[in-house]
Amino acid sequence: MTHDHLAQLLVNARRRHQPIVTVAPEHLPPDAATAYAVQQAVLAGLGTTTGAWKVGARTPGGPASGAPIPAPLVHASPARLEQQAFFRVLVELEVAFRFAEPIAPRADAYARDEVLARVGQILPAIEIVDSRFAEWPNVAPLAQLADAQNNGALVTGHAVPYSALARSFDFVAPKLELTFNGTSLVSEASGNPAGDPRELLVWFVNHCAAMGITIESEWTVTTGTYVGAHRLDVPGLLHGHIDGLGEVEIEFV
């Protein structure tokens, strides 16, 4: 089965730190449902639980996608990470959320107002983008989705109450900075390609409901980069700041 074979390849790549060189076409996910099933099978195969989720979309109102992030790959800022623990390191500065209470699956779709009423915290985050495929980025999109949508790790800053910022924070294009060894990585134009990332939370809640997954309040849900993805090939200090949210920092060694 596509589900079992690809999941095992991904589990082995993570455990052995050896990239997947090739995958036979018959073992690639034929659809998104299979890719999402592979995500869950990889978590089970690793013997770990979900610690966070990543969600995103390429355009406002466009198709969304997401992936669970294994709990051991979620770190609090300031974090100190070994660069060699990844196949490659690309970094993204993002806004993330946590819900105030668990959200259980149900038959009826959750409405936007219901979802936003359950948001408890907002925080800055840096996602490390990585892939278990040697030929990335020249990899089928559904295979990338199966591979946790190219997630390598997540580092989270200090959380603040969502209610304190819901009306005043610029969710589309906040003032921010991301530097590596003191050099800015931010171009003049920055912004989330999905527009207001809170719209992704609505998709996320209903996606989890459709999969029978209860969303835990301690999960961090990160919602896409505001600065693109920047590849780092040498050790150093990565520092992010989002006005109104605060700092998030990683030292790569």
C-alpha atoms as a PDB file:
ATOM      1  CA  MET A   1       0.000   0.000   0.000  1.00  0.00           C
ATOM      2  CA  THR A   2       1.141   3.561  -0.746  1.00  0.00           C
ATOM      3  CA  HIS A   3       0.216   4.523   2.779  1.00  0.00           C
ATOM      4  CA  ASP A   4       2.377   1.923   4.527  1.00  0.00           C
ATOM      5  CA  HIS A   5       5.397   1.919   2.220  1.00  0.00           C
ATOM      6  CA  LEU A   6       5.926   5.672   2.043  1.00  0.00           C
ATOM      7  CA  ALA A   7       5.303   6.073   5.770  1.00  0.00           C
ATOM      8  CA  GLN A   8       8.006   3.510   6.514  1.00  0.00           C
ATOM      9  CA  LEU A   9      10.444   5.236   4.173  1.00  0.00           C
ATOM     10  CA  LEU A  10       9.837   8.532   5.982  1.00  0.00           C
ATOM     11  CA  VAL A  11      10.198   6.933   9.409  1.00  0.00           C
ATOM     12  CA  ASN A  12      13.477   5.322   8.381  1.00  0.00           C
ATOM     13  CA  ALA A  13      14.797   8.585   6.942  1.00  0.00           C
ATOM     14  CA  ARG A  14      14.140  10.362  10.222  1.00  0.00           C
ATOM     15  CA  ARG A  15      15.509   7.617  12.459  1.00  0.00           C
ATOM     16  CA  ARG A  16      18.640   6.921  10.413  1.00  0.00           C
ATOM     17  CA  HIS A  17      19.167  10.488   9.204  1.00  0.00           C
ATOM     18  CA  GLN A  18      19.461   9.222   5.656  1.00  0.00           C
ATOM     19  CA  PRO A  19      17.480  10.974   2.914  1.00  0.00           C
ATOM     20  CA  ILE A  20      15.113   9.156   0.604  1.00  0.00           C
ATOM     21  CA  VAL A  21      16.779   8.964  -2.802  1.00  0.00           C
ATOM     22  CA  THR A  22      13.936   7.609  -4.910  1.00  0.00           C
ATOM     23  CA  VAL A  23      10.316   6.562  -4.502  1.00  0.00           C
ATOM     24  CA  ALA A  24       8.613   4.393  -7.084  1.00  0.00           C
ATOM     25  CA  PRO A  25       5.632   6.196  -8.678  1.00  0.00           C
ATOM     26  CA  GLU A  26       3.189   3.598  -7.367  1.00  0.00           C
ATOM     27  CA  HIS A  27       4.193   4.501  -3.799  1.00  0.00           C
ATOM     28  CA  LEU A  28       3.550   8.232  -4.149  1.00  0.00           C
ATOM     29  CA  PRO A  29       0.273   9.510  -2.622  1.00  0.00           C
ATOM     30  CA  PRO A  30      -2.471   9.556  -5.257  1.00  0.00           C
ATOM     31  CA  ASP A  31      -4.445  12.192  -3.378  1.00  0.00           C
ATOM     32  CA  ALA A  32      -4.372  14.505  -0.362  1.00  0.00           C
ATOM     33  CA  ALA A  33      -6.333  12.070   1.815  1.00  0.00           C
ATOM     34  CA  THR A  34      -3.562   9.498   1.398  1.00  0.00           C
ATOM     35  CA  ALA A  35      -0.886  12.107   2.133  1.00  0.00           C
ATOM     36  CA  TYR A  36      -2.640  13.066   5.358  1.00  0.00           C
ATOM     37  CA  ALA A  37      -2.923   9.407   6.317  1.00  0.00           C
ATOM     38  CA  VAL A  38       0.832   9.037   5.775  1.00  0.00           C
ATOM     39  CA  GLN A  39       1.450  11.969   8.135  1.00  0.00           C
ATOM     40  CA  GLN A  40      -0.378  10.194  10.928  1.00  0.00           C
ATOM     41  CA  ALA A  41       1.294   6.864  10.148  1.00  0.00           C
ATOM     42  CA  VAL A  42       4.725   8.499  10.424  1.00  0.00           C
ATOM     43  CA  LEU A  43       3.887   9.845  13.876  1.00  0.00           C
ATOM     44  CA  ALA A  44       2.764   6.385  14.935  1.00  0.00           C
ATOM     45  CA  GLY A  45       5.851   4.785  13.426  1.00  0.00           C
ATOM     46  CA  LEU A  46       8.118   7.181  15.296  1.00  0.00           C
ATOM     47  CA  GLY A  47       6.285   6.422  18.525  1.00  0.00           C
ATOM     48  CA  THR A  48       5.707  10.093  19.223  1.00  0.00           C
ATOM     49  CA  THR A  49       2.784  12.467  19.634  1.00  0.00           C
ATOM     50  CA  THR A  50       1.818  15.737  17.993  1.00  0.00           C
ATOM     51  CA  GLY A  51       3.401  18.840  19.515  1.00  0.00           C
ATOM     52  CA  ALA A  52       2.301  21.452  16.998  1.00  0.00           C
ATOM     53  CA  TRP A  53       0.837  21.934  13.530  1.00  0.00           C
ATOM     54  CA  LYS A  54       1.820  23.973  10.506  1.00  0.00           C
ATOM     55  CA  VAL A  55      -0.838  25.315   8.141  1.00  0.00           C
ATOM     56  CA  GLY A  56      -0.613  27.551   5.113  1.00  0.00           C
ATOM     57  CA  ALA A  57      -1.988  28.690   1.789  1.00  0.00           C
ATOM     58  CA  ARG A  58      -0.379  30.302  -1.249  1.00  0.00           C
ATOM     59  CA  THR A  59      -3.056  32.974  -1.706  1.00  0.00           C
ATOM     60  CA  PRO A  60      -5.803  34.562   0.418  1.00  0.00           C
ATOM     61  CA  GLY A  61      -8.749  32.220   0.276  1.00  0.00           C
ATOM     62  CA  GLY A  62      -6.733  29.654  -1.684  1.00  0.00           C
ATOM     63  CA  PRO A  63      -6.514  25.938  -0.909  1.00  0.00           C
ATOM     64  CA  ALA A  64      -4.956  25.317   2.495  1.00  0.00           C
ATOM     65  CA  SER A  65      -2.810  22.457   3.676  1.00  0.00           C
ATOM     66  CA  GLY A  66      -1.280  21.419   6.967  1.00  0.00           C
ATOM     67  CA  ALA A  67       0.798  18.889   8.839  1.00  0.00           C
ATOM     68  CA  PRO A  68       1.426  17.776  12.411  1.00  0.00           C
ATOM     69  CA  ILE A  69       4.850  18.475  13.922  1.00  0.00           C
ATOM     70  CA  PRO A  70       6.227  15.752  16.223  1.00  0.00           C
ATOM     71  CA  ALA A  71       6.481  16.873  19.849  1.00  0.00           C
ATOM     72  CA  PRO A  72      10.290  16.352  20.075  1.00  0.00           C
ATOM     73  CA  LEU A  73      10.736  18.887  17.251  1.00  0.00           C
ATOM     74  CA  VAL A  74       8.964  21.731  19.069  1.00  0.00           C
ATOM     75  CA  HIS A  75      11.349  23.927  21.065  1.00  0.00           C
ATOM     76  CA  ALA A  76      10.942  27.005  23.249  1.00  0.00           C
ATOM     77  CA  SER A  77      13.001  30.087  22.458  1.00  0.00           C
ATOM     78  CA  PRO A  78      15.877  30.658  22.950  1.00  0.00           C
ATOM     79  CA  ALA A  79      16.772  27.323  21.346  1.00  0.00           C
ATOM     80  CA  ARG A  80      20.167  25.794  20.582  1.00  0.00           C
ATOM     81  CA  LEU A  81      20.003  23.336  17.699  1.00  0.00           C
ATOM     82  CA  GLU A  82      22.576  21.284  15.842  1.00  0.00           C
ATOM     83  CA  GLN A  83      22.624  22.222  12.185  1.00  0.00           C
ATOM     84  CA  GLN A  84      23.699  18.705  11.240  1.00  0.00           C
ATOM     85  CA  ALA A  85      20.475  17.335  12.716  1.00  0.00           C
ATOM     86  CA  PHE A  86      18.748  18.551   9.538  1.00  0.00           C
ATOM     87  CA  PHE A  87      19.262  17.622   5.895  1.00  0.00           C
ATOM     88  CA  ARG A  88      19.052  21.340   5.078  1.00  0.00           C
ATOM     89  CA  VAL A  89      18.052  24.422   7.045  1.00  0.00           C
ATOM     90  CA  LEU A  90      15.620  26.997   5.691  1.00  0.00           C
ATOM     91  CA  VAL A  91      13.989  29.380   8.150  1.00  0.00           C
ATOM     92  CA  GLU A  92      10.690  31.241   8.188  1.00  0.00           C
ATOM     93  CA  LEU A  93       9.357  33.852  10.632  1.00  0.00           C
ATOM     94  CA  GLU A  94       5.710  33.207  11.442  1.00  0.00           C
ATOM     95  CA  VAL A  95       2.763  34.066  13.689  1.00  0.00           C
ATOM     96  CA  ALA A  96       1.370  31.139  15.645  1.00  0.00           C
ATOM     97  CA  PHE A  97      -1.677  30.503  17.816  1.00  0.00           C
ATOM     98  CA  ARG A  98      -2.879  28.260  20.627  1.00  0.00           C
ATOM     99  CA  PHE A  99      -6.489  27.506  21.457  1.00  0.00           C
ATOM    100  CA  ALA A 100      -7.870  28.168  24.922  1.00  0.00           C
ATOM    101  CA  GLU A 101      -9.441  24.717  25.211  1.00  0.00           C
ATOM    102  CA  PRO A 102      -9.489  21.394  23.365  1.00  0.00           C
ATOM    103  CA  ILE A 103     -11.657  21.295  20.248  1.00  0.00           C
ATOM    104  CA  ALA A 104     -13.299  17.950  19.591  1.00  0.00           C
ATOM    105  CA  PRO A 105     -14.469  16.650  16.210  1.00  0.00           C
ATOM    106  CA  ARG A 106     -18.139  17.008  15.347  1.00  0.00           C
ATOM    107  CA  ALA A 107     -20.363  16.387  12.354  1.00  0.00           C
ATOM    108  CA  ASP A 108     -21.234  20.040  11.689  1.00  0.00           C
ATOM    109  CA  ALA A 109     -18.523  22.363  10.401  1.00  0.00           C
ATOM    110  CA  TYR A 110     -17.121  24.931  12.809  1.00  0.00           C
ATOM    111  CA  ALA A 111     -17.934  28.492  11.771  1.00  0.00           C
ATOM    112  CA  ARG A 112     -15.306  31.243  11.673  1.00  0.00           C
ATOM    113  CA  ASP A 113     -16.692  33.037  14.729  1.00  0.00           C
ATOM    114  CA  GLU A 114     -16.720  29.796  16.717  1.00  0.00           C
ATOM    115  CA  VAL A 115     -13.098  29.095  15.881  1.00  0.00           C
ATOM    116  CA  LEU A 116     -11.795  32.582  16.646  1.00  0.00           C
ATOM    117  CA  ALA A 117     -13.730  32.626  19.918  1.00  0.00           C
ATOM    118  CA  ARG A 118     -11.665  29.641  21.011  1.00  0.00           C
ATOM    119  CA  VAL A 119      -8.261  31.186  20.266  1.00  0.00           C
ATOM    120  CA  GLY A 120      -6.394  31.719  23.524  1.00  0.00           C
ATOM    121  CA  GLN A 121      -2.858  32.868  22.705  1.00  0.00           C
ATOM    122  CA  ILE A 122      -0.736  34.308  19.909  1.00  0.00           C
ATOM    123  CA  LEU A 123       3.040  34.069  19.656  1.00  0.00           C
ATOM    124  CA  PRO A 124       6.010  34.527  17.325  1.00  0.00           C
ATOM    125  CA  ALA A 125       7.602  31.412  15.861  1.00  0.00           C
ATOM    126  CA  ILE A 126      10.379  30.311  13.550  1.00  0.00           C
ATOM    127  CA  GLU A 127       9.778  27.254  11.431  1.00  0.00           C
ATOM    128  CA  ILE A 128      12.753  25.282  10.167  1.00  0.00           C
ATOM    129  CA  VAL A 129      11.924  23.915   6.742  1.00  0.00           C
ATOM    130  CA  ASP A 130      13.522  20.595   5.815  1.00  0.00           C
ATOM    131  CA  SER A 131      12.704  17.529   3.739  1.00  0.00           C
ATOM    132  CA  ARG A 132      13.438  13.843   3.985  1.00  0.00           C
ATOM    133  CA  PHE A 133      13.728  13.665   0.172  1.00  0.00           C
ATOM    134  CA  ALA A 134      17.199  14.018  -1.353  1.00  0.00           C
ATOM    135  CA  GLU A 135      15.845  15.695  -4.499  1.00  0.00           C
ATOM    136  CA  TRP A 136      13.826  18.386  -2.710  1.00  0.00           C
ATOM    137  CA  PRO A 137      12.419  20.758  -3.904  1.00  0.00           C
ATOM    138  CA  ASN A 138      11.985  18.643  -7.049  1.00  0.00           C
ATOM    139  CA  VAL A 139       9.511  16.388  -5.277  1.00  0.00           C
ATOM    140  CA  ALA A 140       5.836  15.765  -6.044  1.00  0.00           C
ATOM    141  CA  PRO A 141       3.657  18.150  -3.993  1.00  0.00           C
ATOM    142  CA  LEU A 142       1.642  15.311  -2.448  1.00  0.00           C
ATOM    143  CA  ALA A 143       4.864  13.591  -1.368  1.00  0.00           C
ATOM    144  CA  GLN A 144       5.934  16.830   0.299  1.00  0.00           C
ATOM    145  CA  LEU A 145       2.567  17.009   2.019  1.00  0.00           C
ATOM    146  CA  ALA A 146       3.021  13.454   3.264  1.00  0.00           C
ATOM    147  CA  ASP A 147       6.456  14.452   4.580  1.00  0.00           C
ATOM    148  CA  ALA A 148       4.927  16.856   7.130  1.00  0.00           C
ATOM    149  CA  GLN A 149       4.766  19.552   4.432  1.00  0.00           C
ATOM    150  CA  ASN A 150       8.564  19.915   4.644  1.00  0.00           C
ATOM    151  CA  ASN A 151       8.699  20.675   8.351  1.00  0.00           C
ATOM    152  CA  GLY A 152      11.999  20.235  10.167  1.00  0.00           C
ATOM    153  CA  ALA A 153      11.244  21.827  13.538  1.00  0.00           C
ATOM    154  CA  LEU A 154       9.426  24.709  15.228  1.00  0.00           C
ATOM    155  CA  VAL A 155      10.773  27.202  17.753  1.00  0.00           C
ATOM    156  CA  THR A 156       8.222  29.247  19.684  1.00  0.00           C
ATOM    157  CA  GLY A 157       8.519  32.576  21.453  1.00  0.00           C
ATOM    158  CA  HIS A 158       6.597  33.856  24.463  1.00  0.00           C
ATOM    159  CA  ALA A 159       2.816  33.653  24.130  1.00  0.00           C
ATOM    160  CA  VAL A 160       0.498  36.589  24.862  1.00  0.00           C
ATOM    161  CA  PRO A 161      -3.307  36.602  25.226  1.00  0.00           C
ATOM    162  CA  TYR A 162      -5.012  36.709  21.854  1.00  0.00           C
ATOM    163  CA  SER A 163      -7.793  38.909  23.219  1.00  0.00           C
ATOM    164  CA  ALA A 164      -5.288  41.679  23.970  1.00  0.00           C
ATOM    165  CA  LEU A 165      -4.198  41.921  20.322  1.00  0.00           C
ATOM    166  CA  ALA A 166      -7.183  40.736  18.288  1.00  0.00           C
ATOM    167  CA  ARG A 167      -8.284  44.268  17.358  1.00  0.00           C
ATOM    168  CA  SER A 168      -4.934  46.083  17.147  1.00  0.00           C
ATOM    169  CA  PHE A 169      -2.443  43.620  15.637  1.00  0.00           C
ATOM    170  CA  ASP A 170      -1.701  43.806  11.898  1.00  0.00           C
ATOM    171  CA  PHE A 171      -2.181  40.163  10.956  1.00  0.00           C
ATOM    172  CA  VAL A 172      -1.568  40.721   7.243  1.00  0.00           C
ATOM    173  CA  ALA A 173       1.760  42.607   7.344  1.00  0.00           C
ATOM    174  CA  PRO A 174       3.083  43.242  10.861  1.00  0.00           C
ATOM    175  CA  LYS A 175       6.314  45.100  11.469  1.00  0.00           C
ATOM    176  CA  LEU A 176       9.038  42.522  11.959  1.00  0.00           C
ATOM    177  CA  GLU A 177      12.704  41.688  11.656  1.00  0.00           C
ATOM    178  CA  LEU A 178      14.679  38.522  11.071  1.00  0.00           C
ATOM    179  CA  THR A 179      18.469  38.584  11.259  1.00  0.00           C
ATOM    180  CA  PHE A 180      21.189  35.967  10.970  1.00  0.00           C
ATOM    181  CA  ASN A 181      24.506  36.826  12.579  1.00  0.00           C
ATOM    182  CA  GLY A 182      23.346  40.436  12.610  1.00  0.00           C
ATOM    183  CA  THR A 183      22.415  40.637   8.915  1.00  0.00           C
ATOM    184  CA  SER A 184      18.795  41.238   7.964  1.00  0.00           C
ATOM    185  CA  LEU A 185      17.007  38.542   5.972  1.00  0.00           C
ATOM    186  CA  VAL A 186      13.891  40.642   5.387  1.00  0.00           C
ATOM    187  CA  SER A 187      13.167  42.313   2.061  1.00  0.00           C
ATOM    188  CA  GLU A 188      11.217  45.549   1.881  1.00  0.00           C
ATOM    189  CA  ALA A 189       8.032  43.668   1.026  1.00  0.00           C
ATOM    190  CA  SER A 190       6.834  41.190   3.632  1.00  0.00           C
ATOM    191  CA  GLY A 191       3.516  39.584   4.373  1.00  0.00           C
ATOM    192  CA  ASN A 192       1.765  36.262   4.715  1.00  0.00           C
ATOM    193  CA  PRO A 193       0.777  34.876   1.281  1.00  0.00           C
ATOM    194  CA  ALA A 194      -2.463  33.596   2.847  1.00  0.00           C
ATOM    195  CA  GLY A 195      -3.411  37.114   3.941  1.00  0.00           C
ATOM    196  CA  ASP A 196      -4.908  37.091   7.439  1.00  0.00           C
ATOM    197  CA  PRO A 197      -3.588  33.821   8.915  1.00  0.00           C
ATOM    198  CA  ARG A 198      -6.584  33.494  11.220  1.00  0.00           C
ATOM    199  CA  GLU A 199      -8.577  32.278   8.223  1.00  0.00           C
ATOM    200  CA  LEU A 200      -6.286  29.243   8.173  1.00  0.00           C
ATOM    201  CA  LEU A 201      -7.373  28.377  11.707  1.00  0.00           C
ATOM    202  CA  VAL A 202     -10.912  27.821  10.448  1.00  0.00           C
ATOM    203  CA  TRP A 203      -9.635  25.374   7.833  1.00  0.00           C
ATOM    204  CA  PHE A 204      -7.407  23.697  10.431  1.00  0.00           C
ATOM    205  CA  VAL A 205     -10.180  23.084  12.948  1.00  0.00           C
ATOM    206  CA  ASN A 206     -12.445  21.564  10.326  1.00  0.00           C
ATOM    207  CA  HIS A 207      -9.585  19.545   8.825  1.00  0.00           C
ATOM    208  CA  CYS A 208      -8.881  17.977  12.210  1.00  0.00           C
ATOM    209  CA  ALA A 209     -12.587  17.371  12.769  1.00  0.00           C
ATOM    210  CA  ALA A 210     -12.823  15.541   9.433  1.00  0.00           C
ATOM    211  CA  MET A 211      -9.879  13.353  10.460  1.00  0.00           C
ATOM    212  CA  GLY A 212     -11.331  12.617  13.888  1.00  0.00           C
ATOM    213  CA  ILE A 213      -8.534  14.507  15.665  1.00  0.00           C
ATOM    214  CA  THR A 214      -9.142  16.421  18.883  1.00  0.00           C
ATOM    215  CA  ILE A 215      -7.109  19.647  18.927  1.00  0.00           C
ATOM    216  CA  GLU A 216      -5.242  20.012  22.215  1.00  0.00           C
ATOM    217  CA  SER A 217      -4.903  23.412  23.864  1.00  0.00           C
ATOM    218  CA  GLU A 218      -1.128  23.046  24.272  1.00  0.00           C
ATOM    219  CA  TRP A 219      -0.585  22.601  20.530  1.00  0.00           C
ATOM    220  CA  THR A 220       0.985  25.538  18.711  1.00  0.00           C
ATOM    221  CA  VAL A 221      -0.500  26.184  15.272  1.00  0.00           C
ATOM    222  CA  THR A 222       1.906  28.118  13.074  1.00  0.00           C
ATOM    223  CA  THR A 223       0.434  29.774  10.020  1.00  0.00           C
ATOM    224  CA  GLY A 224       3.012  30.496   7.329  1.00  0.00           C
ATOM    225  CA  THR A 225       5.967  32.734   6.675  1.00  0.00           C
ATOM    226  CA  TYR A 226       5.951  36.523   6.430  1.00  0.00           C
ATOM    227  CA  VAL A 227       9.484  36.709   5.032  1.00  0.00           C
ATOM    228  CA  GLY A 228       9.835  33.811   2.608  1.00  0.00           C
ATOM    229  CA  ALA A 229      12.219  30.936   3.319  1.00  0.00           C
ATOM    230  CA  HIS A 230      15.919  31.643   3.846  1.00  0.00           C
ATOM    231  CA  ARG A 231      18.540  28.922   3.615  1.00  0.00           C
ATOM    232  CA  LEU A 232      21.289  28.903   6.249  1.00  0.00           C
ATOM    233  CA  ASP A 233      24.425  26.943   5.442  1.00  0.00           C
ATOM    234  CA  VAL A 234      26.671  27.950   8.344  1.00  0.00           C
ATOM    235  CA  PRO A 235      26.257  28.027  12.141  1.00  0.00           C
ATOM    236  CA  GLY A 236      25.158  31.243  13.767  1.00  0.00           C
ATOM    237  CA  LEU A 237      22.503  33.188  15.653  1.00  0.00           C
ATOM    238  CA  LEU A 238      19.050  33.653  14.145  1.00  0.00           C
ATOM    239  CA  HIS A 239      16.922  36.327  15.779  1.00  0.00           C
ATOM    240  CA  GLY A 240      13.329  37.185  14.968  1.00  0.00           C
ATOM    241  CA  HIS A 241      11.128  39.996  16.250  1.00  0.00           C
ATOM    242  CA  ILE A 242       7.480  40.774  15.533  1.00  0.00           C
ATOM    243  CA  ASP A 243       6.121  44.075  16.886  1.00  0.00           C
ATOM    244  CA  GLY A 244       3.482  43.397  19.507  1.00  0.00           C
ATOM    245  CA  LEU A 245       4.513  39.770  19.975  1.00  0.00           C
ATOM    246  CA  GLY A 246       8.175  39.822  20.904  1.00  0.00           C
ATOM    247  CA  GLU A 247      11.286  37.777  20.189  1.00  0.00           C
ATOM    248  CA  VAL A 248      12.186  34.282  19.030  1.00  0.00           C
ATOM    249  CA  GLU A 249      15.773  33.062  18.730  1.00  0.00           C
ATOM    250  CA  ILE A 250      17.774  30.048  17.567  1.00  0.00           C
ATOM    251  CA  GLU A 251      21.483  29.423  17.858  1.00  0.00           C
ATOM    252  CA  PHE A 252      22.611  26.932  15.208  1.00  0.00           C
ATOM    253  CA  VAL A 253      25.756  25.060  16.196  1.00  0.00           C
END
